[in-house]
Amino acid sequence: VDTMVTAPDESTLVVQIGVDFAPSLVYALLGSVVGSVVDS
C-alpha cells in the first residue's frame, strides 16, 4: 500500500489499483467512510 498510494507533493495524491474496476466504483469506495482524510 505504501507504494500503490503515494503523495509525490503536498497537492498530488496518486492512487494505483491492482484490478480493472470502473472509475465510478473506485470513486464510490473512496467516498465511503474509509475515504475520510485524517490529520496525520
PDB file of all heavy atoms in Angstrom:
ATOM      1  N   VAL A   1       0.813  -1.215   0.000  1.00  0.00           N
ATOM      2  CA  VAL A   1       0.000   0.000   0.000  1.00  0.00           C
ATOM      3  C   VAL A   1       0.849   1.268   0.000  1.00  0.00           C
ATOM      4  O   VAL A   1       0.458   2.291  -0.574  1.00  0.00           O
ATOM      5  CB  VAL A   1      -0.998  -0.002   1.184  1.00  0.00           C
ATOM      6  CG1 VAL A   1      -0.276   0.172   2.528  1.00  0.00           C
ATOM      7  CG2 VAL A   1      -2.073   1.071   0.992  1.00  0.00           C
ATOM      8  N   ASP A   2       2.027   1.236   0.614  1.00  0.00           N
ATOM      9  CA  ASP A   2       2.865   2.440   0.640  1.00  0.00           C
ATOM     10  C   ASP A   2       3.403   2.806  -0.739  1.00  0.00           C
ATOM     11  O   ASP A   2       3.747   3.973  -0.983  1.00  0.00           O
ATOM     12  CB  ASP A   2       4.029   2.262   1.613  1.00  0.00           C
ATOM     13  CG  ASP A   2       3.583   2.360   3.064  1.00  0.00           C
ATOM     14  OD1 ASP A   2       2.455   2.819   3.308  1.00  0.00           O
ATOM     15  OD2 ASP A   2       4.364   1.975   3.960  1.00  0.00           O
ATOM     16  N   THR A   3       3.467   1.838  -1.637  1.00  0.00           N
ATOM     17  CA  THR A   3       3.934   2.129  -2.999  1.00  0.00           C
ATOM     18  C   THR A   3       2.768   2.353  -3.953  1.00  0.00           C
ATOM     19  O   THR A   3       2.924   3.017  -4.973  1.00  0.00           O
ATOM     20  CB  THR A   3       4.811   0.986  -3.532  1.00  0.00           C
ATOM     21  OG1 THR A   3       4.068  -0.249  -3.489  1.00  0.00           O
ATOM     22  CG2 THR A   3       6.071   0.838  -2.692  1.00  0.00           C
ATOM     23  N   MET A   4       1.590   1.821  -3.632  1.00  0.00           N
ATOM     24  CA  MET A   4       0.425   1.985  -4.501  1.00  0.00           C
ATOM     25  C   MET A   4      -0.368   3.251  -4.184  1.00  0.00           C
ATOM     26  O   MET A   4      -1.128   3.741  -5.024  1.00  0.00           O
ATOM     27  CB  MET A   4      -0.485   0.757  -4.425  1.00  0.00           C
ATOM     28  CG  MET A   4       0.191  -0.518  -4.914  1.00  0.00           C
ATOM     29  SD  MET A   4      -0.940  -1.916  -5.119  1.00  0.00           S
ATOM     30  CE  MET A   4      -1.745  -1.490  -6.669  1.00  0.00           C
ATOM     31  N   VAL A   5      -0.206   3.793  -2.987  1.00  0.00           N
ATOM     32  CA  VAL A   5      -0.859   5.037  -2.595  1.00  0.00           C
ATOM     33  C   VAL A   5       0.232   6.003  -2.153  1.00  0.00           C
ATOM     34  O   VAL A   5       0.865   5.799  -1.108  1.00  0.00           O
ATOM     35  CB  VAL A   5      -1.876   4.814  -1.460  1.00  0.00           C
ATOM     36  CG1 VAL A   5      -2.555   6.131  -1.090  1.00  0.00           C
ATOM     37  CG2 VAL A   5      -2.929   3.781  -1.859  1.00  0.00           C
ATOM     38  N   THR A   6       0.467   7.043  -2.931  1.00  0.00           N
ATOM     39  CA  THR A   6       1.581   7.942  -2.658  1.00  0.00           C
ATOM     40  C   THR A   6       1.171   9.401  -2.809  1.00  0.00           C
ATOM     41  O   THR A   6       0.142   9.719  -3.417  1.00  0.00           O
ATOM     42  CB  THR A   6       2.760   7.659  -3.608  1.00  0.00           C
ATOM     43  OG1 THR A   6       2.308   7.846  -4.969  1.00  0.00           O
ATOM     44  CG2 THR A   6       3.281   6.233  -3.428  1.00  0.00           C
ATOM     45  N   ALA A   7       2.010  10.284  -2.266  1.00  0.00           N
ATOM     46  CA  ALA A   7       1.820  11.729  -2.401  1.00  0.00           C
ATOM     47  C   ALA A   7       3.148  12.338  -2.848  1.00  0.00           C
ATOM     48  O   ALA A   7       3.987  12.693  -2.023  1.00  0.00           O
ATOM     49  CB  ALA A   7       1.363  12.336  -1.077  1.00  0.00           C
ATOM     50  N   PRO A   8       3.376  12.447  -4.158  1.00  0.00           N
ATOM     51  CA  PRO A   8       4.648  12.982  -4.644  1.00  0.00           C
ATOM     52  C   PRO A   8       4.888  14.436  -4.244  1.00  0.00           C
ATOM     53  O   PRO A   8       6.037  14.884  -4.198  1.00  0.00           O
ATOM     54  CB  PRO A   8       4.541  12.832  -6.165  1.00  0.00           C
ATOM     55  CG  PRO A   8       3.085  12.672  -6.451  1.00  0.00           C
ATOM     56  CD  PRO A   8       2.510  11.994  -5.264  1.00  0.00           C
ATOM     57  N   ASP A   9       3.811  15.178  -3.970  1.00  0.00           N
ATOM     58  CA  ASP A   9       3.951  16.523  -3.418  1.00  0.00           C
ATOM     59  C   ASP A   9       2.713  16.815  -2.577  1.00  0.00           C
ATOM     60  O   ASP A   9       1.793  16.001  -2.497  1.00  0.00           O
ATOM     61  CB  ASP A   9       4.157  17.575  -4.519  1.00  0.00           C
ATOM     62  CG  ASP A   9       3.016  17.610  -5.534  1.00  0.00           C
ATOM     63  OD1 ASP A   9       1.860  17.830  -5.120  1.00  0.00           O
ATOM     64  OD2 ASP A   9       3.274  17.401  -6.734  1.00  0.00           O
ATOM     65  N   GLU A  10       2.681  17.976  -1.944  1.00  0.00           N
ATOM     66  CA  GLU A  10       1.619  18.271  -0.981  1.00  0.00           C
ATOM     67  C   GLU A  10       0.240  18.386  -1.606  1.00  0.00           C
ATOM     68  O   GLU A  10      -0.765  18.284  -0.901  1.00  0.00           O
ATOM     69  CB  GLU A  10       1.950  19.564  -0.225  1.00  0.00           C
ATOM     70  CG  GLU A  10       3.089  19.420   0.771  1.00  0.00           C
ATOM     71  CD  GLU A  10       3.165  20.591   1.724  1.00  0.00           C
ATOM     72  OE1 GLU A  10       2.446  21.602   1.491  1.00  0.00           O
ATOM     73  OE2 GLU A  10       3.926  20.512   2.697  1.00  0.00           O
ATOM     74  N   SER A  11       0.171  18.572  -2.915  1.00  0.00           N
ATOM     75  CA  SER A  11      -1.136  18.760  -3.550  1.00  0.00           C
ATOM     76  C   SER A  11      -1.549  17.605  -4.452  1.00  0.00           C
ATOM     77  O   SER A  11      -2.647  17.624  -5.020  1.00  0.00           O
ATOM     78  CB  SER A  11      -1.141  20.052  -4.372  1.00  0.00           C
ATOM     79  OG  SER A  11      -0.216  19.963  -5.447  1.00  0.00           O
ATOM     80  N   THR A  12      -0.692  16.580  -4.573  1.00  0.00           N
ATOM     81  CA  THR A  12      -0.964  15.493  -5.511  1.00  0.00           C
ATOM     82  C   THR A  12      -1.035  14.145  -4.806  1.00  0.00           C
ATOM     83  O   THR A  12      -0.092  13.731  -4.133  1.00  0.00           O
ATOM     84  CB  THR A  12       0.120  15.426  -6.602  1.00  0.00           C
ATOM     85  OG1 THR A  12       0.252  16.705  -7.219  1.00  0.00           O
ATOM     86  CG2 THR A  12      -0.238  14.393  -7.665  1.00  0.00           C
ATOM     87  N   LEU A  13      -2.165  13.473  -4.956  1.00  0.00           N
ATOM     88  CA  LEU A  13      -2.371  12.124  -4.423  1.00  0.00           C
ATOM     89  C   LEU A  13      -2.460  11.155  -5.592  1.00  0.00           C
ATOM     90  O   LEU A  13      -3.292  11.339  -6.492  1.00  0.00           O
ATOM     91  CB  LEU A  13      -3.664  12.073  -3.600  1.00  0.00           C
ATOM     92  CG  LEU A  13      -4.165  10.685  -3.177  1.00  0.00           C
ATOM     93  CD1 LEU A  13      -3.224  10.060  -2.144  1.00  0.00           C
ATOM     94  CD2 LEU A  13      -5.590  10.761  -2.628  1.00  0.00           C
ATOM     95  N   VAL A  14      -1.607  10.148  -5.600  1.00  0.00           N
ATOM     96  CA  VAL A  14      -1.611   9.157  -6.671  1.00  0.00           C
ATOM     97  C   VAL A  14      -2.068   7.817  -6.103  1.00  0.00           C
ATOM     98  O   VAL A  14      -1.458   7.283  -5.171  1.00  0.00           O
ATOM     99  CB  VAL A  14      -0.220   9.012  -7.319  1.00  0.00           C
ATOM    100  CG1 VAL A  14      -0.262   7.943  -8.418  1.00  0.00           C
ATOM    101  CG2 VAL A  14       0.241  10.349  -7.894  1.00  0.00           C
ATOM    102  N   VAL A  15      -3.151   7.299  -6.657  1.00  0.00           N
ATOM    103  CA  VAL A  15      -3.738   6.041  -6.211  1.00  0.00           C
ATOM    104  C   VAL A  15      -3.647   5.036  -7.348  1.00  0.00           C
ATOM    105  O   VAL A  15      -4.208   5.263  -8.429  1.00  0.00           O
ATOM    106  CB  VAL A  15      -5.210   6.251  -5.789  1.00  0.00           C
ATOM    107  CG1 VAL A  15      -5.896   4.906  -5.553  1.00  0.00           C
ATOM    108  CG2 VAL A  15      -5.300   7.118  -4.545  1.00  0.00           C
ATOM    109  N   GLN A  16      -2.942   3.947  -7.131  1.00  0.00           N
ATOM    110  CA  GLN A  16      -2.866   2.864  -8.112  1.00  0.00           C
ATOM    111  C   GLN A  16      -3.672   1.679  -7.598  1.00  0.00           C
ATOM    112  O   GLN A  16      -3.648   1.372  -6.405  1.00  0.00           O
ATOM    113  CB  GLN A  16      -1.420   2.431  -8.334  1.00  0.00           C
ATOM    114  CG  GLN A  16      -0.516   3.522  -8.873  1.00  0.00           C
ATOM    115  CD  GLN A  16       0.905   3.041  -9.058  1.00  0.00           C
ATOM    116  OE1 GLN A  16       1.173   2.143  -9.856  1.00  0.00           O
ATOM    117  NE2 GLN A  16       1.828   3.633  -8.306  1.00  0.00           N
ATOM    118  N   ILE A  17      -4.382   1.014  -8.506  1.00  0.00           N
ATOM    119  CA  ILE A  17      -5.161  -0.161  -8.117  1.00  0.00           C
ATOM    120  C   ILE A  17      -4.667  -1.368  -8.907  1.00  0.00           C
ATOM    121  O   ILE A  17      -4.108  -1.230  -9.997  1.00  0.00           O
ATOM    122  CB  ILE A  17      -6.671   0.061  -8.335  1.00  0.00           C
ATOM    123  CG1 ILE A  17      -6.999   0.278  -9.819  1.00  0.00           C
ATOM    124  CG2 ILE A  17      -7.161   1.235  -7.491  1.00  0.00           C
ATOM    125  CD1 ILE A  17      -8.493   0.359 -10.116  1.00  0.00           C
ATOM    126  N   GLY A  18      -4.908  -2.539  -8.340  1.00  0.00           N
ATOM    127  CA  GLY A  18      -4.442  -3.765  -8.964  1.00  0.00           C
ATOM    128  C   GLY A  18      -5.531  -4.567  -9.633  1.00  0.00           C
ATOM    129  O   GLY A  18      -5.348  -5.747  -9.931  1.00  0.00           O
ATOM    130  N   VAL A  19      -6.680  -3.932  -9.885  1.00  0.00           N
ATOM    131  CA  VAL A  19      -7.816  -4.599 -10.507  1.00  0.00           C
ATOM    132  C   VAL A  19      -8.384  -3.687 -11.587  1.00  0.00           C
ATOM    133  O   VAL A  19      -8.091  -2.485 -11.631  1.00  0.00           O
ATOM    134  CB  VAL A  19      -8.919  -4.935  -9.478  1.00  0.00           C
ATOM    135  CG1 VAL A  19      -8.452  -6.006  -8.503  1.00  0.00           C
ATOM    136  CG2 VAL A  19      -9.336  -3.678  -8.704  1.00  0.00           C
ATOM    137  N   ASP A  20      -9.207  -4.249 -12.461  1.00  0.00           N
ATOM    138  CA  ASP A  20      -9.804  -3.475 -13.552  1.00  0.00           C
ATOM    139  C   ASP A  20     -11.212  -3.013 -13.188  1.00  0.00           C
ATOM    140  O   ASP A  20     -12.199  -3.388 -13.821  1.00  0.00           O
ATOM    141  CB  ASP A  20      -9.829  -4.307 -14.838  1.00  0.00           C
ATOM    142  CG  ASP A  20      -8.438  -4.588 -15.377  1.00  0.00           C
ATOM    143  OD1 ASP A  20      -7.599  -3.672 -15.326  1.00  0.00           O
ATOM    144  OD2 ASP A  20      -8.189  -5.723 -15.814  1.00  0.00           O
ATOM    145  N   PHE A  21     -11.305  -2.177 -12.147  1.00  0.00           N
ATOM    146  CA  PHE A  21     -12.598  -1.660 -11.732  1.00  0.00           C
ATOM    147  C   PHE A  21     -12.927  -0.385 -12.507  1.00  0.00           C
ATOM    148  O   PHE A  21     -12.035   0.396 -12.862  1.00  0.00           O
ATOM    149  CB  PHE A  21     -12.602  -1.340 -10.240  1.00  0.00           C
ATOM    150  CG  PHE A  21     -12.885  -2.517  -9.349  1.00  0.00           C
ATOM    151  CD1 PHE A  21     -13.111  -3.785  -9.867  1.00  0.00           C
ATOM    152  CD2 PHE A  21     -12.935  -2.357  -7.971  1.00  0.00           C
ATOM    153  CE1 PHE A  21     -13.378  -4.866  -9.046  1.00  0.00           C
ATOM    154  CE2 PHE A  21     -13.202  -3.436  -7.137  1.00  0.00           C
ATOM    155  CZ  PHE A  21     -13.423  -4.692  -7.673  1.00  0.00           C
ATOM    156  N   ALA A  22     -14.219  -0.170 -12.741  1.00  0.00           N
ATOM    157  CA  ALA A  22     -14.671   1.080 -13.344  1.00  0.00           C
ATOM    158  C   ALA A  22     -14.286   2.244 -12.436  1.00  0.00           C
ATOM    159  O   ALA A  22     -14.349   2.136 -11.208  1.00  0.00           O
ATOM    160  CB  ALA A  22     -16.184   1.057 -13.535  1.00  0.00           C
ATOM    161  N   PRO A  23     -13.885   3.368 -13.010  1.00  0.00           N
ATOM    162  CA  PRO A  23     -13.551   4.524 -12.168  1.00  0.00           C
ATOM    163  C   PRO A  23     -14.665   4.902 -11.198  1.00  0.00           C
ATOM    164  O   PRO A  23     -14.390   5.262 -10.049  1.00  0.00           O
ATOM    165  CB  PRO A  23     -13.297   5.629 -13.205  1.00  0.00           C
ATOM    166  CG  PRO A  23     -12.799   4.901 -14.405  1.00  0.00           C
ATOM    167  CD  PRO A  23     -13.603   3.621 -14.436  1.00  0.00           C
ATOM    168  N   SER A  24     -15.917   4.818 -11.648  1.00  0.00           N
ATOM    169  CA  SER A  24     -17.026   5.198 -10.764  1.00  0.00           C
ATOM    170  C   SER A  24     -17.083   4.314  -9.527  1.00  0.00           C
ATOM    171  O   SER A  24     -17.466   4.778  -8.439  1.00  0.00           O
ATOM    172  CB  SER A  24     -18.353   5.149 -11.508  1.00  0.00           C
ATOM    173  OG  SER A  24     -18.572   3.872 -12.094  1.00  0.00           O
ATOM    174  N   LEU A  25     -16.699   3.042  -9.644  1.00  0.00           N
ATOM    175  CA  LEU A  25     -16.675   2.154  -8.493  1.00  0.00           C
ATOM    176  C   LEU A  25     -15.531   2.536  -7.554  1.00  0.00           C
ATOM    177  O   LEU A  25     -15.695   2.547  -6.330  1.00  0.00           O
ATOM    178  CB  LEU A  25     -16.537   0.697  -8.947  1.00  0.00           C
ATOM    179  CG  LEU A  25     -16.394  -0.367  -7.864  1.00  0.00           C
ATOM    180  CD1 LEU A  25     -17.501  -0.251  -6.816  1.00  0.00           C
ATOM    181  CD2 LEU A  25     -16.389  -1.759  -8.486  1.00  0.00           C
ATOM    182  N   VAL A  26     -14.376   2.874  -8.119  1.00  0.00           N
ATOM    183  CA  VAL A  26     -13.249   3.322  -7.292  1.00  0.00           C
ATOM    184  C   VAL A  26     -13.625   4.592  -6.544  1.00  0.00           C
ATOM    185  O   VAL A  26     -13.346   4.737  -5.340  1.00  0.00           O
ATOM    186  CB  VAL A  26     -11.998   3.548  -8.160  1.00  0.00           C
ATOM    187  CG1 VAL A  26     -10.836   4.089  -7.312  1.00  0.00           C
ATOM    188  CG2 VAL A  26     -11.585   2.258  -8.857  1.00  0.00           C
ATOM    189  N   TYR A  27     -14.293   5.521  -7.222  1.00  0.00           N
ATOM    190  CA  TYR A  27     -14.720   6.753  -6.561  1.00  0.00           C
ATOM    191  C   TYR A  27     -15.688   6.461  -5.414  1.00  0.00           C
ATOM    192  O   TYR A  27     -15.619   7.092  -4.352  1.00  0.00           O
ATOM    193  CB  TYR A  27     -15.395   7.687  -7.566  1.00  0.00           C
ATOM    194  CG  TYR A  27     -14.520   8.136  -8.710  1.00  0.00           C
ATOM    195  CD1 TYR A  27     -15.077   8.444  -9.951  1.00  0.00           C
ATOM    196  CD2 TYR A  27     -13.135   8.232  -8.569  1.00  0.00           C
ATOM    197  CE1 TYR A  27     -14.283   8.855 -11.010  1.00  0.00           C
ATOM    198  CE2 TYR A  27     -12.332   8.635  -9.633  1.00  0.00           C
ATOM    199  CZ  TYR A  27     -12.910   8.932 -10.849  1.00  0.00           C
ATOM    200  OH  TYR A  27     -12.129   9.332 -11.905  1.00  0.00           O
ATOM    201  N   ALA A  28     -16.588   5.501  -5.628  1.00  0.00           N
ATOM    202  CA  ALA A  28     -17.542   5.158  -4.573  1.00  0.00           C
ATOM    203  C   ALA A  28     -16.823   4.628  -3.342  1.00  0.00           C
ATOM    204  O   ALA A  28     -17.187   4.953  -2.202  1.00  0.00           O
ATOM    205  CB  ALA A  28     -18.539   4.124  -5.087  1.00  0.00           C
ATOM    206  N   LEU A  29     -15.802   3.808  -3.550  1.00  0.00           N
ATOM    207  CA  LEU A  29     -15.039   3.275  -2.420  1.00  0.00           C
ATOM    208  C   LEU A  29     -14.306   4.386  -1.685  1.00  0.00           C
ATOM    209  O   LEU A  29     -14.253   4.405  -0.449  1.00  0.00           O
ATOM    210  CB  LEU A  29     -14.064   2.207  -2.907  1.00  0.00           C
ATOM    211  CG  LEU A  29     -14.722   0.931  -3.446  1.00  0.00           C
ATOM    212  CD1 LEU A  29     -13.701   0.061  -4.169  1.00  0.00           C
ATOM    213  CD2 LEU A  29     -15.389   0.148  -2.319  1.00  0.00           C
ATOM    214  N   LEU A  30     -13.746   5.331  -2.425  1.00  0.00           N
ATOM    215  CA  LEU A  30     -13.037   6.457  -1.803  1.00  0.00           C
ATOM    216  C   LEU A  30     -14.010   7.476  -1.225  1.00  0.00           C
ATOM    217  O   LEU A  30     -13.600   8.380  -0.496  1.00  0.00           O
ATOM    218  CB  LEU A  30     -12.118   7.125  -2.825  1.00  0.00           C
ATOM    219  CG  LEU A  30     -10.987   6.250  -3.366  1.00  0.00           C
ATOM    220  CD1 LEU A  30     -10.153   7.018  -4.375  1.00  0.00           C
ATOM    221  CD2 LEU A  30     -10.095   5.726  -2.234  1.00  0.00           C
ATOM    222  N   GLY A  31     -15.291   7.335  -1.533  1.00  0.00           N
ATOM    223  CA  GLY A  31     -16.316   8.185  -0.954  1.00  0.00           C
ATOM    224  C   GLY A  31     -17.006   7.552   0.237  1.00  0.00           C
ATOM    225  O   GLY A  31     -17.917   8.138   0.823  1.00  0.00           O
ATOM    226  N   SER A  32     -16.573   6.350   0.611  1.00  0.00           N
ATOM    227  CA  SER A  32     -17.116   5.689   1.807  1.00  0.00           C
ATOM    228  C   SER A  32     -16.353   6.165   3.034  1.00  0.00           C
ATOM    229  O   SER A  32     -15.431   6.986   2.955  1.00  0.00           O
ATOM    230  CB  SER A  32     -17.006   4.170   1.664  1.00  0.00           C
ATOM    231  OG  SER A  32     -15.648   3.757   1.717  1.00  0.00           O
ATOM    232  N   VAL A  33     -16.705   5.650   4.192  1.00  0.00           N
ATOM    233  CA  VAL A  33     -16.117   6.134   5.446  1.00  0.00           C
ATOM    234  C   VAL A  33     -14.599   6.006   5.455  1.00  0.00           C
ATOM    235  O   VAL A  33     -13.895   6.838   6.041  1.00  0.00           O
ATOM    236  CB  VAL A  33     -16.760   5.414   6.648  1.00  0.00           C
ATOM    237  CG1 VAL A  33     -16.427   3.919   6.643  1.00  0.00           C
ATOM    238  CG2 VAL A  33     -16.344   6.049   7.969  1.00  0.00           C
ATOM    239  N   VAL A  34     -14.055   4.983   4.785  1.00  0.00           N
ATOM    240  CA  VAL A  34     -12.604   4.790   4.788  1.00  0.00           C
ATOM    241  C   VAL A  34     -11.888   5.795   3.901  1.00  0.00           C
ATOM    242  O   VAL A  34     -10.650   5.852   3.905  1.00  0.00           O
ATOM    243  CB  VAL A  34     -12.229   3.354   4.369  1.00  0.00           C
ATOM    244  CG1 VAL A  34     -12.646   2.357   5.431  1.00  0.00           C
ATOM    245  CG2 VAL A  34     -12.870   3.002   3.024  1.00  0.00           C
ATOM    246  N   GLY A  35     -12.630   6.601   3.146  1.00  0.00           N
ATOM    247  CA  GLY A  35     -12.036   7.670   2.366  1.00  0.00           C
ATOM    248  C   GLY A  35     -11.907   8.966   3.146  1.00  0.00           C
ATOM    249  O   GLY A  35     -11.506   9.993   2.584  1.00  0.00           O
ATOM    250  N   SER A  36     -12.214   8.943   4.441  1.00  0.00           N
ATOM    251  CA  SER A  36     -12.084  10.130   5.293  1.00  0.00           C
ATOM    252  C   SER A  36     -10.620  10.536   5.413  1.00  0.00           C
ATOM    253  O   SER A  36      -9.747   9.693   5.616  1.00  0.00           O
ATOM    254  CB  SER A  36     -12.650   9.847   6.682  1.00  0.00           C
ATOM    255  OG  SER A  36     -14.011   9.470   6.629  1.00  0.00           O
ATOM    256  N   VAL A  37     -10.357  11.835   5.296  1.00  0.00           N
ATOM    257  CA  VAL A  37      -8.982  12.341   5.385  1.00  0.00           C
ATOM    258  C   VAL A  37      -8.697  12.749   6.827  1.00  0.00           C
ATOM    259  O   VAL A  37      -9.350  13.637   7.377  1.00  0.00           O
ATOM    260  CB  VAL A  37      -8.763  13.524   4.430  1.00  0.00           C
ATOM    261  CG1 VAL A  37      -7.314  14.026   4.536  1.00  0.00           C
ATOM    262  CG2 VAL A  37      -9.075  13.108   2.996  1.00  0.00           C
ATOM    263  N   VAL A  38      -7.716  12.077   7.416  1.00  0.00           N
ATOM    264  CA  VAL A  38      -7.359  12.268   8.827  1.00  0.00           C
ATOM    265  C   VAL A  38      -6.140  13.176   8.926  1.00  0.00           C
ATOM    266  O   VAL A  38      -5.204  13.087   8.117  1.00  0.00           O
ATOM    267  CB  VAL A  38      -7.064  10.911   9.495  1.00  0.00           C
ATOM    268  CG1 VAL A  38      -6.673  11.090  10.969  1.00  0.00           C
ATOM    269  CG2 VAL A  38      -8.276   9.986   9.373  1.00  0.00           C
ATOM    270  N   ASP A  39      -6.132  14.046   9.915  1.00  0.00           N
ATOM    271  CA  ASP A  39      -4.997  14.918  10.229  1.00  0.00           C
ATOM    272  C   ASP A  39      -3.860  14.044  10.752  1.00  0.00           C
ATOM    273  O   ASP A  39      -3.839  13.661  11.924  1.00  0.00           O
ATOM    274  CB  ASP A  39      -5.448  15.937  11.274  1.00  0.00           C
ATOM    275  CG  ASP A  39      -4.402  16.988  11.611  1.00  0.00           C
ATOM    276  OD1 ASP A  39      -3.203  16.727  11.394  1.00  0.00           O
ATOM    277  OD2 ASP A  39      -4.786  18.049  12.122  1.00  0.00           O
ATOM    278  N   SER A  40      -2.928  13.683   9.876  1.00  0.00           N
ATOM    279  CA  SER A  40      -1.885  12.722  10.259  1.00  0.00           C
ATOM    280  C   SER A  40      -1.002  13.256  11.372  1.00  0.00           C
ATOM    281  O   SER A  40      -0.598  12.505  12.270  1.00  0.00           O
ATOM    282  CB  SER A  40      -1.039  12.353   9.038  1.00  0.00           C
ATOM    283  OG  SER A  40      -0.398  13.492   8.493  1.00  0.00           O
TER     284      SER A  40
END
